[in-house]
Amino acid sequence: MLITMKNNKPTIFNGLKYLAIALPFLFFAPIVITIGFKALKKGHTFLWLLLGIILAIAAMTITAIGILKISNYLFEKDNEKD
């Protein structure tokens, strides 16, 4: 019986998964920030603006992680000797 261990090599699917997760954040963050600035003019509430900034930071972070995972997949040297 042959037991194989799970391979820890990066795959392109993991990077694309992070980019797919970041896509809604990239669309909703500017919308929420715009709502936040309009609410700031009318009601002096910082909640929408703060939420939009948090969404934007999350979008940038998740996108960067996804791009790093894809670049690790593309530029990883294969050290296995067959």
C-alpha atoms as a PDB file:
ATOM      1  CA  MET A   1       0.000   0.000   0.000  1.00  0.00           C
ATOM      2  CA  LEU A   2       1.371   3.354  -1.093  1.00  0.00           C
ATOM      3  CA  ILE A   3       0.661   6.374   1.089  1.00  0.00           C
ATOM      4  CA  THR A   4       1.075   9.729  -0.574  1.00  0.00           C
ATOM      5  CA  MET A   5       1.374  12.943   1.348  1.00  0.00           C
ATOM      6  CA  LYS A   6      -0.408  16.081   0.288  1.00  0.00           C
ATOM      7  CA  ASN A   7       1.769  18.307  -1.817  1.00  0.00           C
ATOM      8  CA  ASN A   8       2.293  21.837  -0.467  1.00  0.00           C
ATOM      9  CA  LYS A   9       3.208  23.385  -3.798  1.00  0.00           C
ATOM     10  CA  PRO A  10       1.317  26.547  -4.696  1.00  0.00           C
ATOM     11  CA  THR A  11      -1.300  26.135  -7.367  1.00  0.00           C
ATOM     12  CA  ILE A  12      -2.734  28.723  -9.673  1.00  0.00           C
ATOM     13  CA  PHE A  13      -6.228  27.823  -8.454  1.00  0.00           C
ATOM     14  CA  ASN A  14      -5.443  29.159  -4.959  1.00  0.00           C
ATOM     15  CA  GLY A  15      -4.402  32.524  -6.383  1.00  0.00           C
ATOM     16  CA  LEU A  16      -7.453  32.742  -8.605  1.00  0.00           C
ATOM     17  CA  LYS A  17      -9.641  31.901  -5.624  1.00  0.00           C
ATOM     18  CA  TYR A  18      -8.253  34.884  -3.712  1.00  0.00           C
ATOM     19  CA  LEU A  19      -8.794  37.149  -6.724  1.00  0.00           C
ATOM     20  CA  ALA A  20     -12.387  35.925  -7.036  1.00  0.00           C
ATOM     21  CA  ILE A  21     -12.962  36.695  -3.358  1.00  0.00           C
ATOM     22  CA  ALA A  22     -11.498  40.197  -3.798  1.00  0.00           C
ATOM     23  CA  LEU A  23     -13.641  41.044  -6.832  1.00  0.00           C
ATOM     24  CA  PRO A  24     -16.840  41.986  -4.924  1.00  0.00           C
ATOM     25  CA  PHE A  25     -14.782  44.083  -2.505  1.00  0.00           C
ATOM     26  CA  LEU A  26     -13.265  45.962  -5.447  1.00  0.00           C
ATOM     27  CA  PHE A  27     -16.744  46.904  -6.676  1.00  0.00           C
ATOM     28  CA  PHE A  28     -18.452  47.669  -3.360  1.00  0.00           C
ATOM     29  CA  ALA A  29     -15.669  49.617  -1.615  1.00  0.00           C
ATOM     30  CA  PRO A  30     -15.855  52.734  -3.858  1.00  0.00           C
ATOM     31  CA  ILE A  31     -19.650  52.681  -3.705  1.00  0.00           C
ATOM     32  CA  VAL A  32     -19.657  52.552   0.098  1.00  0.00           C
ATOM     33  CA  ILE A  33     -16.983  55.264   0.290  1.00  0.00           C
ATOM     34  CA  THR A  34     -19.122  57.521  -1.925  1.00  0.00           C
ATOM     35  CA  ILE A  35     -22.151  56.859   0.276  1.00  0.00           C
ATOM     36  CA  GLY A  36     -19.961  57.630   3.290  1.00  0.00           C
ATOM     37  CA  PHE A  37     -18.905  61.024   1.948  1.00  0.00           C
ATOM     38  CA  LYS A  38     -22.499  61.928   1.113  1.00  0.00           C
ATOM     39  CA  ALA A  39     -23.643  60.835   4.579  1.00  0.00           C
ATOM     40  CA  LEU A  40     -20.820  62.836   6.122  1.00  0.00           C
ATOM     41  CA  LYS A  41     -22.123  66.014   4.472  1.00  0.00           C
ATOM     42  CA  LYS A  42     -25.673  65.430   5.683  1.00  0.00           C
ATOM     43  CA  GLY A  43     -25.635  63.647   8.998  1.00  0.00           C
ATOM     44  CA  HIS A  44     -22.061  63.785  10.288  1.00  0.00           C
ATOM     45  CA  THR A  45     -21.808  60.013  10.557  1.00  0.00           C
ATOM     46  CA  PHE A  46     -18.486  58.337   9.888  1.00  0.00           C
ATOM     47  CA  LEU A  47     -19.829  54.768   9.860  1.00  0.00           C
ATOM     48  CA  TRP A  48     -20.260  54.362   6.084  1.00  0.00           C
ATOM     49  CA  LEU A  49     -16.972  56.044   5.324  1.00  0.00           C
ATOM     50  CA  LEU A  50     -15.128  53.865   7.826  1.00  0.00           C
ATOM     51  CA  LEU A  51     -16.783  50.735   6.439  1.00  0.00           C
ATOM     52  CA  GLY A  52     -15.819  51.728   2.887  1.00  0.00           C
ATOM     53  CA  ILE A  53     -12.201  52.320   3.857  1.00  0.00           C
ATOM     54  CA  ILE A  54     -12.062  48.937   5.606  1.00  0.00           C
ATOM     55  CA  LEU A  55     -13.539  47.274   2.496  1.00  0.00           C
ATOM     56  CA  ALA A  56     -10.978  49.024   0.283  1.00  0.00           C
ATOM     57  CA  ILE A  57      -8.069  47.931   2.473  1.00  0.00           C
ATOM     58  CA  ALA A  58      -9.420  44.377   2.520  1.00  0.00           C
ATOM     59  CA  ALA A  59      -9.768  44.402  -1.272  1.00  0.00           C
ATOM     60  CA  MET A  60      -6.192  45.568  -1.752  1.00  0.00           C
ATOM     61  CA  THR A  61      -4.835  43.036   0.726  1.00  0.00           C
ATOM     62  CA  ILE A  62      -6.721  40.064  -0.699  1.00  0.00           C
ATOM     63  CA  THR A  63      -5.765  41.080  -4.248  1.00  0.00           C
ATOM     64  CA  ALA A  64      -2.096  41.324  -3.278  1.00  0.00           C
ATOM     65  CA  ILE A  65      -2.201  37.879  -1.659  1.00  0.00           C
ATOM     66  CA  GLY A  66      -3.797  36.424  -4.782  1.00  0.00           C
ATOM     67  CA  ILE A  67      -1.206  37.985  -7.075  1.00  0.00           C
ATOM     68  CA  LEU A  68       1.604  36.734  -4.824  1.00  0.00           C
ATOM     69  CA  LYS A  69       0.206  33.202  -4.920  1.00  0.00           C
ATOM     70  CA  ILE A  70      -0.041  33.281  -8.714  1.00  0.00           C
ATOM     71  CA  SER A  71       3.489  34.659  -9.059  1.00  0.00           C
ATOM     72  CA  ASN A  72       4.790  31.974  -6.685  1.00  0.00           C
ATOM     73  CA  TYR A  73       3.156  29.371  -8.919  1.00  0.00           C
ATOM     74  CA  LEU A  74       4.630  30.863 -12.089  1.00  0.00           C
ATOM     75  CA  PHE A  75       8.163  31.414 -10.836  1.00  0.00           C
ATOM     76  CA  GLU A  76       8.645  28.470  -8.494  1.00  0.00           C
ATOM     77  CA  LYS A  77      11.633  26.310  -9.353  1.00  0.00           C
ATOM     78  CA  ASP A  78      10.975  22.607  -9.412  1.00  0.00           C
ATOM     79  CA  ASN A  79      13.470  21.006  -7.024  1.00  0.00           C
ATOM     80  CA  GLU A  80      12.201  17.447  -7.369  1.00  0.00           C
ATOM     81  CA  LYS A  81      14.574  14.960  -8.898  1.00  0.00           C
ATOM     82  CA  ASP A  82      12.902  12.110 -10.717  1.00  0.00           C
END
